Structure formats: C-alpha cells, structure tokens
PDB file of N, CA and C in Angstrom:
ATOM      1  N   MET A   1      60.935 210.717 162.834  1.00  0.00           N
ATOM      2  CA  MET A   1      60.398 209.925 161.740  1.00  0.00           C
ATOM      3  C   MET A   1      61.457 208.945 161.254  1.00  0.00           C
ATOM      4  N   SER A   2      60.989 207.798 160.876  1.00  0.00           N
ATOM      5  CA  SER A   2      61.906 206.799 160.332  1.00  0.00           C
ATOM      6  C   SER A   2      62.063 207.007 158.827  1.00  0.00           C
ATOM      7  N   VAL A   3      63.010 206.317 158.270  1.00  0.00           N
ATOM      8  CA  VAL A   3      63.242 206.395 156.827  1.00  0.00           C
ATOM      9  C   VAL A   3      62.011 205.912 156.074  1.00  0.00           C
ATOM     10  N   GLN A   4      61.365 204.857 156.592  1.00  0.00           N
ATOM     11  CA  GLN A   4      60.166 204.335 155.939  1.00  0.00           C
ATOM     12  C   GLN A   4      59.042 205.378 155.951  1.00  0.00           C
ATOM     13  N   ASP A   5      58.889 206.107 157.065  1.00  0.00           N
ATOM     14  CA  ASP A   5      57.871 207.162 157.131  1.00  0.00           C
ATOM     15  C   ASP A   5      58.183 208.269 156.134  1.00  0.00           C
ATOM     16  N   ASP A   6      59.460 208.638 156.040  1.00  0.00           N
ATOM     17  CA  ASP A   6      59.855 209.670 155.083  1.00  0.00           C
ATOM     18  C   ASP A   6      59.564 209.232 153.648  1.00  0.00           C
ATOM     19  N   LEU A   7      59.895 207.986 153.329  1.00  0.00           N
ATOM     20  CA  LEU A   7      59.639 207.477 151.974  1.00  0.00           C
ATOM     21  C   LEU A   7      58.146 207.430 151.670  1.00  0.00           C
ATOM     22  N   ALA A   8      57.343 207.035 152.651  1.00  0.00           N
ATOM     23  CA  ALA A   8      55.890 206.999 152.454  1.00  0.00           C
ATOM     24  C   ALA A   8      55.352 208.409 152.200  1.00  0.00           C
ATOM     25  N   ALA A   9      55.859 209.396 152.934  1.00  0.00           N
ATOM     26  CA  ALA A   9      55.423 210.778 152.731  1.00  0.00           C
ATOM     27  C   ALA A   9      55.822 211.269 151.345  1.00  0.00           C
ATOM     28  N   VAL A  10      57.029 210.928 150.900  1.00  0.00           N
ATOM     29  CA  VAL A  10      57.482 211.323 149.563  1.00  0.00           C
ATOM     30  C   VAL A  10      56.610 210.672 148.495  1.00  0.00           C
ATOM     31  N   ARG A  11      56.284 209.403 148.682  1.00  0.00           N
ATOM     32  CA  ARG A  11      55.420 208.711 147.708  1.00  0.00           C
ATOM     33  C   ARG A  11      54.047 209.373 147.620  1.00  0.00           C
ATOM     34  N   ARG A  12      53.473 209.733 148.788  1.00  0.00           N
ATOM     35  CA  ARG A  12      52.165 210.399 148.780  1.00  0.00           C
ATOM     36  C   ARG A  12      52.234 211.724 148.042  1.00  0.00           C
ATOM     37  N   ARG A  13      53.279 212.493 148.308  1.00  0.00           N
ATOM     38  CA  ARG A  13      53.414 213.789 147.638  1.00  0.00           C
ATOM     39  C   ARG A  13      53.647 213.628 146.146  1.00  0.00           C
ATOM     40  N   LEU A  14      54.391 212.615 145.753  1.00  0.00           N
ATOM     41  CA  LEU A  14      54.602 212.346 144.332  1.00  0.00           C
ATOM     42  C   LEU A  14      53.292 211.957 143.660  1.00  0.00           C
ATOM     43  N   GLN A  15      52.488 211.147 144.341  1.00  0.00           N
ATOM     44  CA  GLN A  15      51.187 210.774 143.790  1.00  0.00           C
ATOM     45  C   GLN A  15      50.286 211.998 143.667  1.00  0.00           C
ATOM     46  N   ASP A  16      50.319 212.897 144.662  1.00  0.00           N
ATOM     47  CA  ASP A  16      49.549 214.137 144.582  1.00  0.00           C
ATOM     48  C   ASP A  16      49.999 214.977 143.393  1.00  0.00           C
ATOM     49  N   LEU A  17      51.308 215.054 143.190  1.00  0.00           N
ATOM     50  CA  LEU A  17      51.843 215.811 142.059  1.00  0.00           C
ATOM     51  C   LEU A  17      51.403 215.199 140.738  1.00  0.00           C
ATOM     52  N   GLU A  18      51.496 213.879 140.634  1.00  0.00           N
ATOM     53  CA  GLU A  18      51.068 213.204 139.402  1.00  0.00           C
ATOM     54  C   GLU A  18      49.594 213.466 139.136  1.00  0.00           C
ATOM     55  N   HIS A  19      48.767 213.420 140.177  1.00  0.00           N
ATOM     56  CA  HIS A  19      47.339 213.671 140.015  1.00  0.00           C
ATOM     57  C   HIS A  19      47.089 215.104 139.541  1.00  0.00           C
ATOM     58  N   THR A  20      47.818 216.057 140.124  1.00  0.00           N
ATOM     59  CA  THR A  20      47.651 217.462 139.739  1.00  0.00           C
ATOM     60  C   THR A  20      48.068 217.686 138.291  1.00  0.00           C
ATOM     61  N   VAL A  21      49.173 217.081 137.869  1.00  0.00           N
ATOM     62  CA  VAL A  21      49.636 217.223 136.483  1.00  0.00           C
ATOM     63  C   VAL A  21      48.627 216.599 135.526  1.00  0.00           C
ATOM     64  N   GLU A  22      48.095 215.422 135.878  1.00  0.00           N
ATOM     65  CA  GLU A  22      47.085 214.787 135.024  1.00  0.00           C
ATOM     66  C   GLU A  22      45.843 215.660 134.906  1.00  0.00           C
ATOM     67  N   GLU A  23      45.421 216.264 136.009  1.00  0.00           N
ATOM     68  CA  GLU A  23      44.254 217.151 135.987  1.00  0.00           C
ATOM     69  C   GLU A  23      44.527 218.373 135.110  1.00  0.00           C
ATOM     70  N   LEU A  24      45.711 218.950 135.222  1.00  0.00           N
ATOM     71  CA  LEU A  24      46.064 220.103 134.402  1.00  0.00           C
ATOM     72  C   LEU A  24      46.113 219.731 132.921  1.00  0.00           C
ATOM     73  N   GLU A  25      46.692 218.581 132.605  1.00  0.00           N
ATOM     74  CA  GLU A  25      46.727 218.128 131.214  1.00  0.00           C
ATOM     75  C   GLU A  25      45.314 217.922 130.673  1.00  0.00           C
ATOM     76  N   ARG A  26      44.425 217.359 131.501  1.00  0.00           N
ATOM     77  CA  ARG A  26      43.043 217.147 131.073  1.00  0.00           C
ATOM     78  C   ARG A  26      42.360 218.491 130.797  1.00  0.00           C
ATOM     79  N   ARG A  27      42.606 219.474 131.653  1.00  0.00           N
ATOM     80  CA  ARG A  27      41.999 220.790 131.457  1.00  0.00           C
ATOM     81  C   ARG A  27      42.516 221.459 130.193  1.00  0.00           C
ATOM     82  N   VAL A  28      43.807 221.321 129.927  1.00  0.00           N
ATOM     83  CA  VAL A  28      44.387 221.935 128.727  1.00  0.00           C
ATOM     84  C   VAL A  28      43.793 221.288 127.484  1.00  0.00           C
ATOM     85  N   ARG A  29      43.680 219.957 127.491  1.00  0.00           N
ATOM     86  CA  ARG A  29      43.097 219.262 126.329  1.00  0.00           C
ATOM     87  C   ARG A  29      41.645 219.665 126.101  1.00  0.00           C
ATOM     88  N   SER A  30      40.888 219.911 127.168  1.00  0.00           N
ATOM     89  CA  SER A  30      39.472 220.237 127.010  1.00  0.00           C
ATOM     90  C   SER A  30      39.238 221.724 126.782  1.00  0.00           C
ATOM     91  N   GLY A  31      40.306 222.533 126.785  1.00  0.00           N
ATOM     92  CA  GLY A  31      40.156 223.957 126.531  1.00  0.00           C
ATOM     93  C   GLY A  31      40.001 224.771 127.791  1.00  0.00           C
ATOM     94  N   GLN A  32      39.974 224.148 128.947  1.00  0.00           N
ATOM     95  CA  GLN A  32      39.903 224.882 130.210  1.00  0.00           C
ATOM     96  C   GLN A  32      41.339 225.148 130.664  1.00  0.00           C
ATOM     97  N   VAL A  33      41.905 226.244 130.191  1.00  0.00           N
ATOM     98  CA  VAL A  33      43.316 226.500 130.455  1.00  0.00           C
ATOM     99  C   VAL A  33      43.551 227.273 131.745  1.00  0.00           C
ATOM    100  N   ALA A  34      42.501 227.591 132.485  1.00  0.00           N
ATOM    101  CA  ALA A  34      42.688 228.298 133.749  1.00  0.00           C
ATOM    102  C   ALA A  34      43.463 227.406 134.709  1.00  0.00           C
ATOM    103  N   PRO A  35      44.461 227.968 135.376  1.00  0.00           N
ATOM    104  CA  PRO A  35      45.252 227.150 136.291  1.00  0.00           C
ATOM    105  C   PRO A  35      44.412 226.711 137.487  1.00  0.00           C
ATOM    106  N   PRO A  36      44.746 225.586 138.087  1.00  0.00           N
ATOM    107  CA  PRO A  36      44.006 225.142 139.260  1.00  0.00           C
ATOM    108  C   PRO A  36      44.211 226.107 140.418  1.00  0.00           C
ATOM    109  N   ALA A  37      43.292 226.095 141.356  1.00  0.00           N
ATOM    110  CA  ALA A  37      43.390 226.970 142.526  1.00  0.00           C
ATOM    111  C   ALA A  37      44.653 226.638 143.303  1.00  0.00           C
ATOM    112  N   PRO A  38      45.327 227.656 143.850  1.00  0.00           N
ATOM    113  CA  PRO A  38      46.540 227.381 144.613  1.00  0.00           C
ATOM    114  C   PRO A  38      46.228 226.577 145.874  1.00  0.00           C
ATOM    115  N   ALA A  39      47.180 225.775 146.288  1.00  0.00           N
ATOM    116  CA  ALA A  39      47.010 224.984 147.505  1.00  0.00           C
ATOM    117  C   ALA A  39      46.919 225.916 148.701  1.00  0.00           C
ATOM    118  N   SER A  40      46.257 225.448 149.745  1.00  0.00           N
ATOM    119  CA  SER A  40      46.107 226.282 150.932  1.00  0.00           C
ATOM    120  C   SER A  40      47.472 226.651 151.490  1.00  0.00           C
ATOM    121  N   GLY A  41      47.569 227.879 151.983  1.00  0.00           N
ATOM    122  CA  GLY A  41      48.814 228.350 152.548  1.00  0.00           C
ATOM    123  C   GLY A  41      49.743 229.009 151.539  1.00  0.00           C
ATOM    124  N   ARG A  42      49.369 228.990 150.292  1.00  0.00           N
ATOM    125  CA  ARG A  42      50.217 229.612 149.275  1.00  0.00           C
ATOM    126  C   ARG A  42      49.586 230.922 148.824  1.00  0.00           C
ATOM    127  N   ALA A  43      50.418 231.820 148.396  1.00  0.00           N
ATOM    128  CA  ALA A  43      49.931 233.116 147.929  1.00  0.00           C
ATOM    129  C   ALA A  43      49.162 232.935 146.629  1.00  0.00           C
ATOM    130  N   ALA A  44      48.040 233.631 146.508  1.00  0.00           N
ATOM    131  CA  ALA A  44      47.213 233.521 145.320  1.00  0.00           C
ATOM    132  C   ALA A  44      47.678 234.452 144.208  1.00  0.00           C
ATOM    133  N   SER A  45      48.486 235.464 144.543  1.00  0.00           N
ATOM    134  CA  SER A  45      48.944 236.386 143.519  1.00  0.00           C
ATOM    135  C   SER A  45      50.405 236.730 143.761  1.00  0.00           C
ATOM    136  N   MET A  46      51.017 237.280 142.733  1.00  0.00           N
ATOM    137  CA  MET A  46      52.421 237.658 142.825  1.00  0.00           C
ATOM    138  C   MET A  46      52.526 239.068 143.387  1.00  0.00           C
ATOM    139  N   VAL A  47      53.607 239.345 144.075  1.00  0.00           N
ATOM    140  CA  VAL A  47      53.864 240.666 144.626  1.00  0.00           C
ATOM    141  C   VAL A  47      55.019 241.271 143.846  1.00  0.00           C
ATOM    142  N   THR A  48      54.829 242.476 143.335  1.00  0.00           N
ATOM    143  CA  THR A  48      55.865 243.162 142.584  1.00  0.00           C
ATOM    144  C   THR A  48      56.765 243.914 143.546  1.00  0.00           C
ATOM    145  N   ILE A  49      58.059 243.704 143.429  1.00  0.00           N
ATOM    146  CA  ILE A  49      59.039 244.399 144.260  1.00  0.00           C
ATOM    147  C   ILE A  49      59.730 245.422 143.374  1.00  0.00           C
ATOM    148  N   PRO A  50      59.672 246.700 143.756  1.00  0.00           N
ATOM    149  CA  PRO A  50      60.254 247.732 142.892  1.00  0.00           C
ATOM    150  C   PRO A  50      61.770 247.633 142.822  1.00  0.00           C
ATOM    151  N   ASP A  51      62.325 248.091 141.684  1.00  0.00           N
ATOM    152  CA  ASP A  51      63.772 248.097 141.494  1.00  0.00           C
ATOM    153  C   ASP A  51      64.435 249.301 142.147  1.00  0.00           C
ATOM    154  N   ALA A  52      63.640 250.306 142.505  1.00  0.00           N
ATOM    155  CA  ALA A  52      64.194 251.519 143.106  1.00  0.00           C
ATOM    156  C   ALA A  52      64.821 251.192 144.460  1.00  0.00           C
ATOM    157  N   PRO A  53      65.924 251.850 144.790  1.00  0.00           N
ATOM    158  CA  PRO A  53      66.559 251.583 146.094  1.00  0.00           C
ATOM    159  C   PRO A  53      65.665 252.052 147.238  1.00  0.00           C
ATOM    160  N   TYR A  54      65.800 251.384 148.377  1.00  0.00           N
ATOM    161  CA  TYR A  54      65.036 251.769 149.555  1.00  0.00           C
ATOM    162  C   TYR A  54      65.613 253.039 150.162  1.00  0.00           C
ATOM    163  N   ASP A  55      64.784 253.768 150.858  1.00  0.00           N
ATOM    164  CA  ASP A  55      65.230 254.952 151.577  1.00  0.00           C
ATOM    165  C   ASP A  55      66.126 254.506 152.733  1.00  0.00           C
ATOM    166  N   ALA A  56      67.363 254.987 152.758  1.00  0.00           N
ATOM    167  CA  ALA A  56      68.319 254.584 153.800  1.00  0.00           C
ATOM    168  C   ALA A  56      67.838 254.997 155.187  1.00  0.00           C
ATOM    169  N   GLY A  57      66.982 255.996 155.269  1.00  0.00           N
ATOM    170  CA  GLY A  57      66.448 256.435 156.554  1.00  0.00           C
ATOM    171  C   GLY A  57      65.609 255.377 157.252  1.00  0.00           C
ATOM    172  N   GLN A  58      65.105 254.418 156.500  1.00  0.00           N
ATOM    173  CA  GLN A  58      64.315 253.339 157.096  1.00  0.00           C
ATOM    174  C   GLN A  58      65.166 252.494 158.035  1.00  0.00           C
ATOM    175  N   TRP A  59      66.455 252.465 157.792  1.00  0.00           N
ATOM    176  CA  TRP A  59      67.326 251.539 158.513  1.00  0.00           C
ATOM    177  C   TRP A  59      68.100 252.211 159.635  1.00  0.00           C
ATOM    178  N   THR A  60      67.777 253.444 159.965  1.00  0.00           N
ATOM    179  CA  THR A  60      68.448 254.136 161.056  1.00  0.00           C
ATOM    180  C   THR A  60      68.111 253.446 162.374  1.00  0.00           C
ATOM    181  N   ASP A  61      69.128 253.210 163.198  1.00  0.00           N
ATOM    182  CA  ASP A  61      68.967 252.579 164.521  1.00  0.00           C
ATOM    183  C   ASP A  61      68.417 251.164 164.448  1.00  0.00           C
ATOM    184  N   VAL A  62      68.699 250.459 163.386  1.00  0.00           N
ATOM    185  CA  VAL A  62      68.239 249.080 163.238  1.00  0.00           C
ATOM    186  C   VAL A  62      69.409 248.139 163.528  1.00  0.00           C
ATOM    187  N   ASP A  63      69.129 247.091 164.296  1.00  0.00           N
ATOM    188  CA  ASP A  63      70.164 246.094 164.580  1.00  0.00           C
ATOM    189  C   ASP A  63      70.319 245.173 163.377  1.00  0.00           C
ATOM    190  N   ASP A  64      71.539 244.718 163.132  1.00  0.00           N
ATOM    191  CA  ASP A  64      71.768 243.720 162.092  1.00  0.00           C
ATOM    192  C   ASP A  64      71.320 242.382 162.650  1.00  0.00           C
ATOM    193  N   GLU A  65      70.410 241.734 161.975  1.00  0.00           N
ATOM    194  CA  GLU A  65      69.871 240.477 162.470  1.00  0.00           C
ATOM    195  C   GLU A  65      70.988 239.460 162.689  1.00  0.00           C
ATOM    196  N   GLY A  66      71.044 238.931 163.876  1.00  0.00           N
ATOM    197  CA  GLY A  66      72.039 237.930 164.205  1.00  0.00           C
ATOM    198  C   GLY A  66      73.383 238.517 164.618  1.00  0.00           C
ATOM    199  N   LEU A  67      73.579 239.817 164.401  1.00  0.00           N
ATOM    200  CA  LEU A  67      74.857 240.443 164.742  1.00  0.00           C
ATOM    201  C   LEU A  67      74.739 241.395 165.928  1.00  0.00           C
ATOM    202  N   GLY A  68      73.522 241.773 166.292  1.00  0.00           N
ATOM    203  CA  GLY A  68      73.342 242.695 167.401  1.00  0.00           C
ATOM    204  C   GLY A  68      73.465 244.137 166.947  1.00  0.00           C
ATOM    205  N   ALA A  69      73.527 245.022 167.919  1.00  0.00           N
ATOM    206  CA  ALA A  69      73.612 246.444 167.630  1.00  0.00           C
ATOM    207  C   ALA A  69      74.992 246.811 167.103  1.00  0.00           C
ATOM    208  N   ARG A  70      75.064 247.841 166.289  1.00  0.00           N
ATOM    209  CA  ARG A  70      76.319 248.247 165.659  1.00  0.00           C
ATOM    210  C   ARG A  70      77.345 248.767 166.661  1.00  0.00           C
ATOM    211  N   ASP A  71      76.874 249.380 167.739  1.00  0.00           N
ATOM    212  CA  ASP A  71      77.816 249.982 168.678  1.00  0.00           C
ATOM    213  C   ASP A  71      78.197 249.056 169.835  1.00  0.00           C
ATOM    214  N   ARG A  72      77.787 247.796 169.781  1.00  0.00           N
ATOM    215  CA  ARG A  72      78.127 246.833 170.832  1.00  0.00           C
ATOM    216  C   ARG A  72      78.869 245.659 170.236  1.00  0.00           C
ATOM    217  N   HIS A  73      79.600 244.952 171.077  1.00  0.00           N
ATOM    218  CA  HIS A  73      80.366 243.794 170.633  1.00  0.00           C
ATOM    219  C   HIS A  73      79.659 242.505 171.039  1.00  0.00           C
ATOM    220  N   ALA A  74      79.868 241.482 170.276  1.00  0.00           N
ATOM    221  CA  ALA A  74      79.299 240.166 170.604  1.00  0.00           C
ATOM    222  C   ALA A  74      79.975 239.629 171.863  1.00  0.00           C
ATOM    223  N   PRO A  75      79.262 238.844 172.651  1.00  0.00           N
ATOM    224  CA  PRO A  75      79.849 238.291 173.881  1.00  0.00           C
ATOM    225  C   PRO A  75      80.986 237.343 173.607  1.00  0.00           C
TER     226      PRO A  75
END
C-alpha cells in the first residue's frame, strides 16, 4: 500500500468513528442510552478472568512458546 492509500483508509475510519459518535450522542439525547451493537468480529460480552492462581499441574510437560522444550537447547 502506498502512503496515499494508508491516508485514505485512515480518513474513512475517522469518518466512521465520527458517524458512530454522532449516532451515540443522538441516542443519548433522545433517551435511548443502549449502546450500539458491537462491530462484526468483536466480542459481544466481557469475559471474567479469576484472580485465583492456575493449577500448576496444567503446565506439566508444556513447551515454553518460542523457547522450545525445557530439556533441550536451542540450535
């Protein structure tokens, strides 16, 4: 992509953002405070991650990502 293509894509996304903010402001003013539907590809709800530590047994015989197995050396 050229710089001009990148700038055009940024402008389109900025215009989309401005449109979404204007729509949200209009909904808030009219009393429709429900958030707009999430864009496709995004999670619709939040996932709660517990604060409790993970069971160390889950990681038995697991390779360290990018480092290989614990008992072997990198080439």
